[in-house]
PDB file of N, CA and C in Angstrom:
ATOM      1  N   MET A   1       0.881  -1.128   0.076  1.00  0.00           N
ATOM      2  CA  MET A   1       0.046  -0.099   0.042  1.00  0.00           C
ATOM      3  C   MET A   1       0.776   1.164  -0.035  1.00  0.00           C
ATOM      4  N   VAL A   2       1.814   1.398   0.847  1.00  0.00           N
ATOM      5  CA  VAL A   2       2.970   2.435   0.914  1.00  0.00           C
ATOM      6  C   VAL A   2       3.917   2.567  -0.080  1.00  0.00           C
ATOM      7  N   CYS A   3       4.018   1.460  -0.986  1.00  0.00           N
ATOM      8  CA  CYS A   3       4.651   1.716  -2.489  1.00  0.00           C
ATOM      9  C   CYS A   3       3.641   2.091  -3.162  1.00  0.00           C
ATOM     10  N   ARG A   4       2.844   1.698  -3.312  1.00  0.00           N
ATOM     11  CA  ARG A   4       1.681   2.105  -4.601  1.00  0.00           C
ATOM     12  C   ARG A   4       1.434   3.554  -4.279  1.00  0.00           C
ATOM     13  N   CYS A   5       1.485   4.181  -3.029  1.00  0.00           N
ATOM     14  CA  CYS A   5       0.939   5.550  -2.616  1.00  0.00           C
ATOM     15  C   CYS A   5       2.651   6.557  -3.195  1.00  0.00           C
ATOM     16  N   ARG A   6       3.533   5.846  -2.772  1.00  0.00           N
ATOM     17  CA  ARG A   6       4.710   6.551  -3.155  1.00  0.00           C
ATOM     18  C   ARG A   6       4.829   6.671  -4.598  1.00  0.00           C
ATOM     19  N   GLU A   7       4.909   5.538  -5.340  1.00  0.00           N
ATOM     20  CA  GLU A   7       4.998   5.276  -6.907  1.00  0.00           C
ATOM     21  C   GLU A   7       3.729   6.523  -7.586  1.00  0.00           C
ATOM     22  N   LYS A   8       2.610   6.674  -6.895  1.00  0.00           N
ATOM     23  CA  LYS A   8       1.661   7.526  -7.462  1.00  0.00           C
ATOM     24  C   LYS A   8       2.412   8.871  -7.157  1.00  0.00           C
ATOM     25  N   GLN A   9       3.213   9.264  -6.482  1.00  0.00           N
ATOM     26  CA  GLN A   9       3.523  10.467  -6.061  1.00  0.00           C
ATOM     27  C   GLN A   9       4.341  10.680  -6.956  1.00  0.00           C
ATOM     28  N   ARG A  10       5.593   9.857  -7.085  1.00  0.00           N
ATOM     29  CA  ARG A  10       6.578   9.409  -8.145  1.00  0.00           C
ATOM     30  C   ARG A  10       6.180  10.060  -9.546  1.00  0.00           C
ATOM     31  N   LYS A  11       5.012   9.290 -10.003  1.00  0.00           N
ATOM     32  CA  LYS A  11       4.502   9.435 -11.179  1.00  0.00           C
ATOM     33  C   LYS A  11       4.001  11.214 -11.239  1.00  0.00           C
ATOM     34  N   GLU A  12       3.281  11.444 -10.472  1.00  0.00           N
ATOM     35  CA  GLU A  12       2.665  12.743 -10.139  1.00  0.00           C
ATOM     36  C   GLU A  12       3.945  14.132 -10.420  1.00  0.00           C
ATOM     37  N   ALA A  13       4.682  13.743  -9.717  1.00  0.00           N
ATOM     38  CA  ALA A  13       5.732  14.388  -9.761  1.00  0.00           C
ATOM     39  C   ALA A  13       6.357  14.638 -10.796  1.00  0.00           C
ATOM     40  N   SER A  14       6.462  13.839 -11.453  1.00  0.00           N
ATOM     41  CA  SER A  14       7.511  13.568 -12.716  1.00  0.00           C
ATOM     42  C   SER A  14       6.525  14.234 -13.944  1.00  0.00           C
ATOM     43  N   ARG A  15       5.277  14.461 -13.577  1.00  0.00           N
ATOM     44  CA  ARG A  15       4.014  14.991 -14.684  1.00  0.00           C
ATOM     45  C   ARG A  15       4.060  16.527 -14.222  1.00  0.00           C
ATOM     46  N   LEU A  16       4.238  16.494 -13.135  1.00  0.00           N
ATOM     47  CA  LEU A  16       4.439  18.081 -12.705  1.00  0.00           C
ATOM     48  C   LEU A  16       5.837  18.555 -13.413  1.00  0.00           C
ATOM     49  N   GLN A  17       6.486  17.833 -13.305  1.00  0.00           N
ATOM     50  CA  GLN A  17       8.019  18.560 -13.791  1.00  0.00           C
ATOM     51  C   GLN A  17       7.966  19.071 -15.175  1.00  0.00           C
ATOM     52  N   THR A  18       7.148  17.836 -15.771  1.00  0.00           N
ATOM     53  CA  THR A  18       7.001  18.024 -17.445  1.00  0.00           C
ATOM     54  C   THR A  18       5.943  19.153 -17.800  1.00  0.00           C
ATOM     55  N   VAL A  19       5.247  19.433 -17.036  1.00  0.00           N
ATOM     56  CA  VAL A  19       3.824  20.259 -17.215  1.00  0.00           C
ATOM     57  C   VAL A  19       4.947  21.729 -16.887  1.00  0.00           C
ATOM     58  N   ASN A  20       5.667  21.496 -15.981  1.00  0.00           N
ATOM     59  CA  ASN A  20       6.329  22.742 -15.394  1.00  0.00           C
ATOM     60  C   ASN A  20       7.668  23.263 -16.700  1.00  0.00           C
ATOM     61  N   ARG A  21       8.288  22.298 -17.293  1.00  0.00           N
ATOM     62  CA  ARG A  21       9.144  22.699 -18.141  1.00  0.00           C
ATOM     63  C   ARG A  21       8.425  23.115 -19.801  1.00  0.00           C
ATOM     64  N   LYS A  22       7.129  22.427 -19.912  1.00  0.00           N
ATOM     65  CA  LYS A  22       6.613  23.026 -21.251  1.00  0.00           C
ATOM     66  C   LYS A  22       5.922  24.458 -20.784  1.00  0.00           C
ATOM     67  N   LEU A  23       5.720  24.978 -19.740  1.00  0.00           N
ATOM     68  CA  LEU A  23       5.327  26.348 -19.189  1.00  0.00           C
ATOM     69  C   LEU A  23       6.040  27.199 -19.223  1.00  0.00           C
ATOM     70  N   THR A  24       7.490  26.783 -18.632  1.00  0.00           N
ATOM     71  CA  THR A  24       8.393  27.921 -18.606  1.00  0.00           C
ATOM     72  C   THR A  24       8.907  27.934 -20.427  1.00  0.00           C
ATOM     73  N   ALA A  25       8.908  26.751 -21.093  1.00  0.00           N
ATOM     74  CA  ALA A  25       9.438  27.283 -22.642  1.00  0.00           C
ATOM     75  C   ALA A  25       8.280  28.197 -23.221  1.00  0.00           C
ATOM     76  N   MET A  26       6.928  28.020 -22.835  1.00  0.00           N
ATOM     77  CA  MET A  26       5.929  28.762 -23.344  1.00  0.00           C
ATOM     78  C   MET A  26       6.120  30.075 -23.128  1.00  0.00           C
ATOM     79  N   ASN A  27       6.360  30.262 -21.598  1.00  0.00           N
ATOM     80  CA  ASN A  27       6.542  31.668 -21.048  1.00  0.00           C
ATOM     81  C   ASN A  27       7.548  32.337 -21.594  1.00  0.00           C
ATOM     82  N   LYS A  28       9.005  31.761 -22.250  1.00  0.00           N
ATOM     83  CA  LYS A  28       9.687  32.209 -22.653  1.00  0.00           C
ATOM     84  C   LYS A  28       9.431  32.812 -24.067  1.00  0.00           C
ATOM     85  N   LEU A  29       8.736  32.161 -24.681  1.00  0.00           N
ATOM     86  CA  LEU A  29       8.432  32.249 -26.104  1.00  0.00           C
ATOM     87  C   LEU A  29       7.465  33.520 -25.934  1.00  0.00           C
ATOM     88  N   LEU A  30       6.752  33.727 -25.024  1.00  0.00           N
ATOM     89  CA  LEU A  30       5.441  34.432 -25.035  1.00  0.00           C
ATOM     90  C   LEU A  30       6.359  35.753 -24.587  1.00  0.00           C
ATOM     91  N   MET A  31       7.215  35.684 -23.726  1.00  0.00           N
ATOM     92  CA  MET A  31       8.131  37.204 -23.481  1.00  0.00           C
ATOM     93  C   MET A  31       8.925  37.478 -24.584  1.00  0.00           C
ATOM     94  N   GLU A  32       9.401  36.561 -25.542  1.00  0.00           N
ATOM     95  CA  GLU A  32      10.244  37.237 -26.706  1.00  0.00           C
ATOM     96  C   GLU A  32       9.391  37.845 -27.651  1.00  0.00           C
ATOM     97  N   GLU A  33       7.980  37.160 -27.718  1.00  0.00           N
ATOM     98  CA  GLU A  33       7.129  37.831 -28.784  1.00  0.00           C
ATOM     99  C   GLU A  33       6.754  39.048 -28.082  1.00  0.00           C
ATOM    100  N   ASN A  34       6.576  39.255 -26.975  1.00  0.00           N
ATOM    101  CA  ASN A  34       5.943  40.303 -26.162  1.00  0.00           C
ATOM    102  C   ASN A  34       7.298  41.410 -26.394  1.00  0.00           C
ATOM    103  N   ASP A  35       8.466  41.080 -26.691  1.00  0.00           N
ATOM    104  CA  ASP A  35       9.631  42.128 -26.806  1.00  0.00           C
ATOM    105  C   ASP A  35       9.488  42.817 -28.026  1.00  0.00           C
ATOM    106  N   ARG A  36       9.215  41.784 -28.837  1.00  0.00           N
ATOM    107  CA  ARG A  36       9.269  41.960 -30.151  1.00  0.00           C
ATOM    108  C   ARG A  36       7.981  43.117 -30.555  1.00  0.00           C
ATOM    109  N   LEU A  37       6.650  42.834 -29.816  1.00  0.00           N
ATOM    110  CA  LEU A  37       5.718  43.394 -30.294  1.00  0.00           C
ATOM    111  C   LEU A  37       5.939  45.009 -29.602  1.00  0.00           C
ATOM    112  N   GLN A  38       6.609  45.133 -28.638  1.00  0.00           N
ATOM    113  CA  GLN A  38       6.727  46.228 -28.058  1.00  0.00           C
ATOM    114  C   GLN A  38       7.807  46.940 -28.807  1.00  0.00           C
ATOM    115  N   LYS A  39       8.823  46.338 -29.690  1.00  0.00           N
ATOM    116  CA  LYS A  39       9.511  47.199 -30.379  1.00  0.00           C
ATOM    117  C   LYS A  39       8.661  47.800 -31.669  1.00  0.00           C
ATOM    118  N   GLN A  40       8.087  46.811 -32.395  1.00  0.00           N
ATOM    119  CA  GLN A  40       7.105  47.017 -33.232  1.00  0.00           C
ATOM    120  C   GLN A  40       6.216  48.643 -32.669  1.00  0.00           C
ATOM    121  N   VAL A  41       5.509  48.158 -31.818  1.00  0.00           N
ATOM    122  CA  VAL A  41       4.648  49.715 -31.260  1.00  0.00           C
ATOM    123  C   VAL A  41       5.430  50.771 -31.103  1.00  0.00           C
ATOM    124  N   SER A  42       6.565  50.604 -30.598  1.00  0.00           N
ATOM    125  CA  SER A  42       7.775  51.924 -30.458  1.00  0.00           C
ATOM    126  C   SER A  42       7.897  52.692 -31.962  1.00  0.00           C
ATOM    127  N   HIS A  43       8.269  51.617 -32.776  1.00  0.00           N
ATOM    128  CA  HIS A  43       8.387  51.962 -34.286  1.00  0.00           C
ATOM    129  C   HIS A  43       7.148  52.590 -34.881  1.00  0.00           C
ATOM    130  N   LEU A  44       6.065  52.276 -34.396  1.00  0.00           N
ATOM    131  CA  LEU A  44       4.918  52.573 -35.086  1.00  0.00           C
ATOM    132  C   LEU A  44       4.346  53.978 -34.462  1.00  0.00           C
ATOM    133  N   VAL A  45       4.649  54.307 -33.172  1.00  0.00           N
ATOM    134  CA  VAL A  45       4.662  55.432 -32.655  1.00  0.00           C
ATOM    135  C   VAL A  45       5.407  56.287 -33.294  1.00  0.00           C
ATOM    136  N   TYR A  46       6.653  56.017 -33.516  1.00  0.00           N
ATOM    137  CA  TYR A  46       7.339  57.043 -34.059  1.00  0.00           C
ATOM    138  C   TYR A  46       7.109  57.506 -35.741  1.00  0.00           C
ATOM    139  N   GLU A  47       6.624  56.311 -36.570  1.00  0.00           N
ATOM    140  CA  GLU A  47       6.268  56.535 -37.591  1.00  0.00           C
ATOM    141  C   GLU A  47       4.837  57.468 -37.541  1.00  0.00           C
ATOM    142  N   ASN A  48       3.835  57.130 -36.693  1.00  0.00           N
ATOM    143  CA  ASN A  48       2.831  58.267 -36.316  1.00  0.00           C
ATOM    144  C   ASN A  48       3.069  59.264 -36.233  1.00  0.00           C
ATOM    145  N   GLY A  49       4.140  59.887 -35.218  1.00  0.00           N
ATOM    146  CA  GLY A  49       4.466  61.090 -35.093  1.00  0.00           C
ATOM    147  C   GLY A  49       4.959  61.715 -36.315  1.00  0.00           C
ATOM    148  N   TYR A  50       6.007  60.998 -37.403  1.00  0.00           N
ATOM    149  CA  TYR A  50       6.737  61.751 -38.229  1.00  0.00           C
ATOM    150  C   TYR A  50       5.508  61.848 -39.433  1.00  0.00           C
ATOM    151  N   MET A  51       4.494  60.867 -39.609  1.00  0.00           N
ATOM    152  CA  MET A  51       3.512  61.335 -40.421  1.00  0.00           C
ATOM    153  C   MET A  51       2.752  62.495 -40.199  1.00  0.00           C
ATOM    154  N   LYS A  52       2.279  62.590 -38.795  1.00  0.00           N
ATOM    155  CA  LYS A  52       1.466  63.942 -38.481  1.00  0.00           C
ATOM    156  C   LYS A  52       2.256  64.991 -38.643  1.00  0.00           C
ATOM    157  N   GLN A  53       3.492  65.111 -38.376  1.00  0.00           N
ATOM    158  CA  GLN A  53       4.496  66.143 -38.928  1.00  0.00           C
ATOM    159  C   GLN A  53       4.442  66.510 -40.241  1.00  0.00           C
ATOM    160  N   GLN A  54       4.510  65.447 -40.899  1.00  0.00           N
ATOM    161  CA  GLN A  54       4.338  65.437 -42.517  1.00  0.00           C
ATOM    162  C   GLN A  54       3.111  66.167 -42.797  1.00  0.00           C
ATOM    163  N   ILE A  55       2.043  65.680 -42.250  1.00  0.00           N
ATOM    164  CA  ILE A  55       0.979  66.279 -42.702  1.00  0.00           C
ATOM    165  C   ILE A  55       0.474  67.855 -42.409  1.00  0.00           C
ATOM    166  N   HIS A  56       1.046  68.117 -40.929  1.00  0.00           N
ATOM    167  CA  HIS A  56       0.880  69.450 -40.710  1.00  0.00           C
ATOM    168  C   HIS A  56       1.646  70.443 -41.599  1.00  0.00           C
ATOM    169  N   THR A  57       3.011  69.880 -42.239  1.00  0.00           N
ATOM    170  CA  THR A  57       3.819  70.842 -43.204  1.00  0.00           C
ATOM    171  C   THR A  57       3.288  71.000 -44.346  1.00  0.00           C
ATOM    172  N   VAL A  58       2.525  69.573 -44.986  1.00  0.00           N
ATOM    173  CA  VAL A  58       1.429  69.850 -46.214  1.00  0.00           C
ATOM    174  C   VAL A  58       0.602  71.084 -46.051  1.00  0.00           C
ATOM    175  N   ILE A  59      -0.120  70.796 -45.147  1.00  0.00           N
ATOM    176  CA  ILE A  59      -1.451  71.617 -44.811  1.00  0.00           C
ATOM    177  C   ILE A  59      -0.993  73.201 -44.582  1.00  0.00           C
ATOM    178  N   PHE A  60      -0.087  73.327 -43.900  1.00  0.00           N
ATOM    179  CA  PHE A  60       0.982  74.832 -43.611  1.00  0.00           C
ATOM    180  C   PHE A  60       1.020  75.230 -45.071  1.00  0.00           C
ATOM    181  N   SER A  61       1.757  74.465 -45.906  1.00  0.00           N
ATOM    182  CA  SER A  61       2.294  74.695 -47.115  1.00  0.00           C
ATOM    183  C   SER A  61       1.125  75.272 -48.191  1.00  0.00           C
ATOM    184  N   ILE A  62      -0.145  74.381 -48.231  1.00  0.00           N
ATOM    185  CA  ILE A  62      -0.965  74.422 -48.990  1.00  0.00           C
ATOM    186  C   ILE A  62      -1.919  75.777 -48.437  1.00  0.00           C
ATOM    187  N   SER A  63      -2.027  75.983 -47.084  1.00  0.00           N
ATOM    188  CA  SER A  63      -2.674  77.350 -46.600  1.00  0.00           C
ATOM    189  C   SER A  63      -1.974  78.348 -47.132  1.00  0.00           C
ATOM    190  N   LEU A  64      -0.471  78.354 -46.986  1.00  0.00           N
ATOM    191  CA  LEU A  64       0.126  79.439 -47.153  1.00  0.00           C
ATOM    192  C   LEU A  64       0.413  79.930 -48.656  1.00  0.00           C
ATOM    193  N   SER A  65      -0.129  78.721 -49.498  1.00  0.00           N
ATOM    194  CA  SER A  65      -0.108  78.822 -50.894  1.00  0.00           C
ATOM    195  C   SER A  65      -1.556  79.376 -51.437  1.00  0.00           C
ATOM    196  N   VAL A  66      -2.441  79.075 -50.762  1.00  0.00           N
ATOM    197  CA  VAL A  66      -3.572  79.767 -50.902  1.00  0.00           C
ATOM    198  C   VAL A  66      -3.611  81.145 -50.483  1.00  0.00           C
ATOM    199  N   PHE A  67      -3.182  81.452 -49.346  1.00  0.00           N
ATOM    200  CA  PHE A  67      -3.280  82.691 -48.976  1.00  0.00           C
ATOM    201  C   PHE A  67      -2.431  83.486 -50.003  1.00  0.00           C
ATOM    202  N   LEU A  68      -1.397  83.271 -50.402  1.00  0.00           N
ATOM    203  CA  LEU A  68      -0.522  84.111 -51.154  1.00  0.00           C
ATOM    204  C   LEU A  68      -1.493  84.108 -52.670  1.00  0.00           C
ATOM    205  N   LEU A  69      -2.271  83.176 -52.826  1.00  0.00           N
ATOM    206  CA  LEU A  69      -3.062  83.471 -54.470  1.00  0.00           C
ATOM    207  C   LEU A  69      -3.998  84.240 -54.105  1.00  0.00           C
ATOM    208  N   PHE A  70      -4.442  84.522 -53.088  1.00  0.00           N
ATOM    209  CA  PHE A  70      -5.828  85.596 -52.627  1.00  0.00           C
ATOM    210  C   PHE A  70      -4.910  86.929 -52.726  1.00  0.00           C
ATOM    211  N   ILE A  71      -3.852  87.243 -51.873  1.00  0.00           N
ATOM    212  CA  ILE A  71      -3.352  88.542 -51.789  1.00  0.00           C
ATOM    213  C   ILE A  71      -2.856  89.232 -52.916  1.00  0.00           C
ATOM    214  N   LEU A  72      -2.188  88.237 -53.903  1.00  0.00           N
ATOM    215  CA  LEU A  72      -1.308  88.632 -55.182  1.00  0.00           C
ATOM    216  C   LEU A  72      -2.267  88.591 -56.423  1.00  0.00           C
TER     217      LEU A  72
END
């Protein structure tokens, strides 16, 4: 009876170690993907700021051109 109980405990411990290894590997992959996505977000935020600046520059140029057409 004691042997069966210890054998079950050993098997359960082994199963839990396997699950733990798999979860650790998955966690590592998720952390790497998170880092990649954070870099991508940073790049997109930078691009967004650049595009906004370009749009404002174009709008200003168009507005100035229209203004100059009316006063000349």
